[in-house]
Amino acid sequence: MRKVIGIGETILDIIFQNDQPSAAVPGGSVFNGIVSLARAGINVCFISETGNDRVGNTILTFMRENGIATDHVNVFPDGKSPVSLAFLNDRNDAEYIFYKDYPKQRLDVLFPKINEDDIVIIGSYYALTPVLRDKIVELLEQAREKKAIVYYDPNFRSSHKDEAMRLTPTIIENLEYADIVRGSVDDFFYMYGMRDVEKIYKDKIKFYCPNFLCTAGAEKVSLRTRNISKEYTIEPIETVSTIGAGDNFNAGLIFGLMKYDVRYRDLNNLDEKTWNKIVECGKDFAAETCQSYHNSISKEFADRYIS
């Protein structure tokens, strides 16, 4: 049975509206997508780390409640589980402050077994952090060797834009391992100072990875492959919070790849009709997530979606 393997941080997101806390939910960019995929009935594994404290216990309980095994989570005795404060503006977009206290020894954990056609998700600063780099590369090497599909979401925040030059070699290495790259126009602006999708694809992505999706908030989704260049419109919706929208677009796309049985060998020759159906899943998952304070699709939505 095919599975999806994610690697990334787990964090407790405390969400503020009008400077008052309104919700606290387990999050982390790859994690949010993994939760949605688990709720949608996909076989998932998640590689992560958390502290031996109340926040860590909350996250581990949440994982078990959502059918995600905690066997690949390193619970560290020193340091504290990370927390983020997310302040929503009048458009319900978030500005973040992160609080992290990791120990020196990181990700001391066994990896799940990777098989051909499994999907491995990497993303965010976690996939660039020097102290974790050996572990990330080890996972990517296994994925390449086994012919698993590697899905990379740079999710590059403004807080790291001053490091973009220094991180470029690591970003390029991730792009080389990737079979699909999905980022937002903001990610590429902070990484490269570019917002033009065509230029981003031609100058920065295509050479390393032929399959590229770029999202632009509520405006559009752009798809670029060797044979397809296409824009998809986004249907307007009432948003409660856009936290997790991109993460769940990723989850929807991956759900689509599984649903339509897209294998590693098929990926670079997918026809437009199949891509249309896959992108539709991404849009559906993202829209659902924007309509609550939760970072993932609801169980009710998942049940309806797969029935």
Protein backbone atom coordinates (compact mmCIF):
# COMPACT_ATOMS: atom_id res chain seq x y z
CA MET A 1 0.00 0.00 0.00
CA ARG A 2 1.42 3.40 -0.98
CA LYS A 3 2.08 5.88 1.80
CA VAL A 4 2.99 9.52 2.33
CA ILE A 5 6.02 10.31 4.52
CA GLY A 6 6.43 13.83 5.87
CA ILE A 7 9.38 15.35 7.73
CA GLY A 8 9.03 18.67 9.54
CA GLU A 9 8.41 20.47 12.77
CA THR A 10 5.47 20.17 15.11
CA ILE A 11 4.51 23.38 16.84
CA LEU A 12 1.60 24.71 18.87
CA ASP A 13 0.00 27.62 16.98
CA ILE A 14 -1.71 30.14 19.26
CA ILE A 15 -3.95 32.23 17.02
CA PHE A 16 -4.74 35.86 17.88
CA GLN A 17 -7.55 37.98 16.48
CA ASN A 18 -7.78 41.64 17.54
CA ASP A 19 -4.81 40.92 19.83
CA GLN A 20 -6.75 38.29 21.80
CA PRO A 21 -6.01 34.56 21.64
CA SER A 22 -8.89 32.76 19.92
CA ALA A 23 -7.53 29.23 19.35
CA ALA A 24 -4.54 26.98 20.03
CA VAL A 25 -3.96 24.20 17.51
CA PRO A 26 -1.09 21.83 16.74
CA GLY A 27 0.63 22.93 13.53
CA GLY A 28 3.78 22.89 11.43
CA SER A 29 3.69 23.28 7.66
CA VAL A 30 4.32 19.66 6.59
CA PHE A 31 2.45 18.41 9.67
CA ASN A 32 -0.75 20.29 8.72
CA GLY A 33 -0.84 18.51 5.37
CA ILE A 34 -0.10 15.11 6.92
CA VAL A 35 -3.05 15.53 9.33
CA SER A 36 -5.38 16.31 6.42
CA LEU A 37 -4.12 13.31 4.44
CA ALA A 38 -4.61 11.02 7.45
CA ARG A 39 -8.18 12.32 7.85
CA ALA A 40 -8.75 11.65 4.14
CA GLY A 41 -7.83 8.00 4.62
CA ILE A 42 -4.28 8.11 3.22
CA ASN A 43 -1.61 5.94 4.87
CA VAL A 44 0.86 8.44 6.44
CA CYS A 45 4.09 8.56 8.48
CA PHE A 46 5.52 11.67 10.09
CA ILE A 47 9.13 12.25 11.15
CA SER A 48 9.53 15.00 13.73
CA GLU A 49 10.62 16.00 17.23
CA THR A 50 8.95 17.52 20.27
CA GLY A 51 9.73 18.24 23.90
CA ASN A 52 8.90 16.09 26.90
CA ASP A 53 6.46 18.70 28.19
CA ARG A 54 2.79 19.65 28.19
CA VAL A 55 2.87 21.12 24.66
CA GLY A 56 4.68 18.01 23.37
CA ASN A 57 2.12 15.73 25.01
CA THR A 58 -0.72 17.75 23.45
CA ILE A 59 0.84 17.29 20.00
CA LEU A 60 1.50 13.54 20.45
CA THR A 61 -2.10 12.99 21.67
CA PHE A 62 -3.41 14.98 18.69
CA MET A 63 -1.35 12.82 16.31
CA ARG A 64 -2.69 9.57 17.80
CA GLU A 65 -6.27 10.88 17.69
CA ASN A 66 -5.80 11.54 13.98
CA GLY A 67 -4.38 8.12 13.18
CA ILE A 68 -0.75 9.27 12.83
CA ALA A 69 1.76 6.94 14.51
CA THR A 70 4.24 8.65 16.86
CA ASP A 71 6.99 6.02 16.31
CA HIS A 72 9.07 8.45 14.23
CA VAL A 73 8.84 11.42 16.61
CA ASN A 74 11.91 12.13 18.73
CA VAL A 75 10.72 13.27 22.20
CA PHE A 76 13.70 15.19 23.57
CA PRO A 77 14.25 15.50 27.35
CA ASP A 78 16.12 18.85 27.23
CA GLY A 79 14.70 22.02 25.71
CA LYS A 80 11.03 22.86 25.14
CA SER A 81 8.43 22.15 22.45
CA PRO A 82 8.18 25.03 19.97
CA VAL A 83 5.27 27.48 20.07
CA SER A 84 4.18 30.10 17.55
CA LEU A 85 1.96 33.14 17.97
CA ALA A 86 -0.04 33.87 14.82
CA PHE A 87 -1.62 37.34 14.64
CA LEU A 88 -4.42 37.57 12.05
CA ASN A 89 -4.88 40.84 10.14
CA ASP A 90 -8.15 42.15 8.66
CA ARG A 91 -7.73 39.80 5.66
CA ASN A 92 -7.22 36.87 8.07
CA ASP A 93 -3.61 36.43 6.93
CA ALA A 94 -1.15 35.69 9.74
CA GLU A 95 2.00 37.33 10.99
CA TYR A 96 4.08 34.97 13.15
CA ILE A 97 6.37 35.10 16.16
CA PHE A 98 8.17 31.80 16.91
CA TYR A 99 9.48 30.58 20.27
CA LYS A 100 11.92 27.67 19.98
CA ASP A 101 14.29 25.99 22.42
CA TYR A 102 15.68 22.85 20.77
CA PRO A 103 18.39 20.64 22.33
CA LYS A 104 21.79 20.10 20.69
CA GLN A 105 20.97 16.52 19.65
CA ARG A 106 18.24 16.72 16.97
CA LEU A 107 16.01 14.19 15.19
CA ASP A 108 17.46 11.14 16.91
CA VAL A 109 14.85 8.89 15.33
CA LEU A 110 14.42 5.91 13.01
CA PHE A 111 13.03 6.59 9.54
CA PRO A 112 10.09 4.63 8.14
CA LYS A 113 10.79 2.26 5.25
CA ILE A 114 10.36 3.97 1.86
CA ASN A 115 8.94 2.02 -1.11
CA GLU A 116 8.61 2.82 -4.80
CA ASP A 117 5.77 5.30 -5.53
CA ASP A 118 5.52 6.47 -1.92
CA ILE A 119 5.43 10.27 -1.62
CA VAL A 120 7.96 12.10 0.57
CA ILE A 121 7.16 15.72 1.59
CA ILE A 122 9.82 18.19 2.67
CA GLY A 123 9.49 21.91 3.15
CA SER A 124 10.02 25.17 5.02
CA TYR A 125 13.13 26.25 6.88
CA TYR A 126 13.19 22.77 8.43
CA ALA A 127 14.40 21.40 5.07
CA LEU A 128 17.23 23.98 5.03
CA THR A 129 18.38 24.03 8.68
CA PRO A 130 22.13 23.24 8.77
CA VAL A 131 21.89 21.21 11.98
CA LEU A 132 19.28 18.88 10.39
CA ARG A 133 20.76 18.77 6.89
CA ASP A 134 22.38 15.33 7.14
CA LYS A 135 19.06 13.79 8.22
CA ILE A 136 17.11 15.49 5.42
CA VAL A 137 19.64 14.36 2.79
CA GLU A 138 19.59 10.82 4.18
CA LEU A 139 15.80 10.70 3.69
CA LEU A 140 16.01 12.25 0.19
CA GLU A 141 18.71 9.78 -0.86
CA GLN A 142 16.51 6.88 0.25
CA ALA A 143 13.56 8.35 -1.65
CA ARG A 144 15.62 8.74 -4.83
CA GLU A 145 17.02 5.23 -4.56
CA LYS A 146 13.56 3.69 -4.09
CA LYS A 147 11.88 5.84 -6.80
CA ALA A 148 9.53 7.58 -4.39
CA ILE A 149 8.00 10.91 -5.46
CA VAL A 150 9.63 13.87 -3.64
CA TYR A 151 7.35 16.87 -3.09
CA TYR A 152 9.07 20.13 -2.04
CA ASP A 153 7.36 23.25 -0.70
CA PRO A 154 10.02 25.93 0.07
CA ASN A 155 7.53 27.89 2.25
CA PHE A 156 10.20 30.57 2.60
CA ARG A 157 9.16 33.24 5.12
CA SER A 158 10.11 36.92 5.15
CA SER A 159 11.99 36.38 8.44
CA HIS A 160 14.61 34.37 6.49
CA LYS A 161 14.96 36.66 3.47
CA ASP A 162 18.30 38.00 4.69
CA GLU A 163 19.62 34.41 4.65
CA ALA A 164 18.39 33.66 1.10
CA MET A 165 21.82 34.04 -0.52
CA ARG A 166 23.53 31.83 2.05
CA LEU A 167 20.80 29.17 1.78
CA THR A 168 20.74 29.09 -2.05
CA PRO A 169 23.01 26.00 -2.41
CA THR A 170 20.75 24.04 -0.02
CA ILE A 171 17.59 25.22 -1.80
CA ILE A 172 19.10 24.10 -5.14
CA GLU A 173 19.97 20.71 -3.65
CA ASN A 174 16.34 20.29 -2.51
CA LEU A 175 15.12 21.29 -5.98
CA GLU A 176 17.41 18.66 -7.53
CA TYR A 177 15.90 15.93 -5.37
CA ALA A 178 12.33 17.15 -5.99
CA ASP A 179 9.86 15.68 -8.50
CA ILE A 180 7.23 18.36 -7.78
CA VAL A 181 7.86 21.89 -6.45
CA ARG A 182 4.98 23.97 -5.10
CA GLY A 183 5.52 27.43 -3.69
CA SER A 184 3.71 30.73 -3.30
CA VAL A 185 4.66 33.93 -5.14
CA ASP A 186 5.70 35.31 -1.73
CA ASP A 187 8.15 32.42 -1.21
CA PHE A 188 9.92 33.19 -4.48
CA PHE A 189 9.88 36.91 -3.81
CA TYR A 190 11.69 36.37 -0.48
CA MET A 191 14.07 33.83 -2.04
CA TYR A 192 14.83 35.47 -5.39
CA GLY A 193 13.15 38.90 -5.48
CA MET A 194 10.90 37.60 -8.30
CA ARG A 195 7.13 37.38 -8.66
CA ASP A 196 6.73 36.49 -12.36
CA VAL A 197 5.77 32.79 -12.50
CA GLU A 198 7.13 32.25 -16.01
CA LYS A 199 10.48 33.77 -15.07
CA ILE A 200 10.66 31.84 -11.77
CA TYR A 201 10.03 28.56 -13.59
CA LYS A 202 12.45 29.20 -16.45
CA ASP A 203 15.27 30.76 -14.41
CA LYS A 204 15.05 28.98 -11.07
CA ILE A 205 13.08 25.71 -11.20
CA LYS A 206 12.87 24.05 -14.63
CA PHE A 207 16.52 23.02 -14.83
CA TYR A 208 16.22 21.06 -11.58
CA CYS A 209 12.58 19.95 -11.49
CA PRO A 210 10.13 19.97 -14.44
CA ASN A 211 6.87 19.99 -12.41
CA PHE A 212 6.06 23.32 -10.79
CA LEU A 213 2.99 24.83 -9.16
CA CYS A 214 2.85 28.40 -7.92
CA THR A 215 -0.02 29.74 -5.80
CA ALA A 216 -0.91 33.40 -5.42
CA GLY A 217 -3.28 33.52 -2.43
CA ALA A 218 -6.87 34.08 -3.56
CA GLU A 219 -5.85 35.04 -7.10
CA LYS A 220 -4.77 31.94 -9.05
CA VAL A 221 -2.78 28.72 -9.26
CA SER A 222 -0.15 28.40 -12.00
CA LEU A 223 1.01 25.06 -13.36
CA ARG A 224 4.19 24.59 -15.39
CA THR A 225 5.47 21.25 -16.70
CA ARG A 226 7.51 20.24 -19.75
CA ASN A 227 4.31 20.21 -21.82
CA ILE A 228 1.76 22.34 -19.94
CA SER A 229 1.56 26.02 -19.05
CA LYS A 230 -1.75 26.83 -17.40
CA GLU A 231 -3.44 29.15 -14.88
CA TYR A 232 -6.37 28.07 -12.69
CA THR A 233 -8.79 30.57 -11.15
CA ILE A 234 -9.68 30.47 -7.45
CA GLU A 235 -13.35 30.64 -6.49
CA PRO A 236 -13.98 33.41 -3.93
CA ILE A 237 -14.82 32.24 -0.39
CA GLU A 238 -15.34 33.79 3.05
CA THR A 239 -12.14 33.13 5.01
CA VAL A 240 -11.80 32.75 8.78
CA SER A 241 -8.02 32.16 8.73
CA THR A 242 -5.59 31.51 5.86
CA ILE A 243 -3.14 29.66 8.16
CA GLY A 244 -2.48 26.27 6.60
CA ALA A 245 -3.97 27.16 3.19
CA GLY A 246 -0.76 26.37 1.29
CA ASP A 247 -0.04 23.31 3.43
CA ASN A 248 -3.46 21.94 2.57
CA PHE A 249 -3.15 22.81 -1.09
CA ASN A 250 -0.11 20.49 -0.91
CA ALA A 251 -2.19 17.85 0.90
CA GLY A 252 -4.95 18.08 -1.71
CA LEU A 253 -2.47 17.72 -4.57
CA ILE A 254 -0.91 14.69 -2.91
CA PHE A 255 -4.38 13.24 -2.26
CA GLY A 256 -5.06 13.74 -5.99
CA LEU A 257 -1.80 11.98 -6.96
CA MET A 258 -2.88 9.01 -4.83
CA LYS A 259 -6.52 9.06 -5.91
CA TYR A 260 -5.67 9.09 -9.63
CA ASP A 261 -2.89 6.53 -9.10
CA VAL A 262 -0.07 8.70 -10.44
CA ARG A 263 3.17 6.74 -10.10
CA TYR A 264 6.78 7.92 -10.09
CA ARG A 265 7.20 6.77 -13.69
CA ASP A 266 4.05 8.68 -14.83
CA LEU A 267 4.82 12.04 -13.30
CA ASN A 268 6.84 13.75 -16.03
CA ASN A 269 4.34 12.81 -18.75
CA LEU A 270 1.02 13.56 -17.01
CA ASP A 271 -1.66 14.90 -19.34
CA GLU A 272 -3.56 18.12 -18.75
CA LYS A 273 -6.81 16.35 -17.86
CA THR A 274 -5.14 14.48 -14.98
CA TRP A 275 -3.39 17.64 -13.74
CA ASN A 276 -6.76 19.47 -13.80
CA LYS A 277 -8.27 16.86 -11.46
CA ILE A 278 -5.24 16.92 -9.15
CA VAL A 279 -5.18 20.75 -8.92
CA GLU A 280 -8.92 20.70 -8.17
CA CYS A 281 -8.23 18.53 -5.11
CA GLY A 282 -5.57 21.03 -3.98
CA LYS A 283 -7.99 23.94 -4.32
CA ASP A 284 -10.74 22.05 -2.45
CA PHE A 285 -8.50 21.19 0.52
CA ALA A 286 -7.14 24.77 0.74
CA ALA A 287 -10.62 26.36 0.57
CA GLU A 288 -11.92 24.08 3.32
CA THR A 289 -9.02 24.97 5.64
CA CYS A 290 -9.55 28.73 5.19
CA GLN A 291 -13.05 28.43 6.65
CA SER A 292 -11.99 27.60 10.23
CA TYR A 293 -9.21 28.25 12.76
CA HIS A 294 -7.97 24.68 12.27
CA ASN A 295 -4.78 24.02 10.32
CA SER A 296 -6.17 21.01 8.45
CA ILE A 297 -9.35 19.83 6.74
CA SER A 298 -12.15 18.75 9.08
CA LYS A 299 -13.02 15.08 9.53
CA GLU A 300 -16.55 15.84 8.26
CA PHE A 301 -15.17 17.37 5.05
CA ALA A 302 -12.80 14.41 4.60
CA ASP A 303 -15.65 11.91 5.03
CA ARG A 304 -17.79 13.75 2.46
CA TYR A 305 -14.87 14.18 0.07
CA ILE A 306 -13.87 10.54 -0.10
CA SER A 307 -17.40 9.09 -0.06
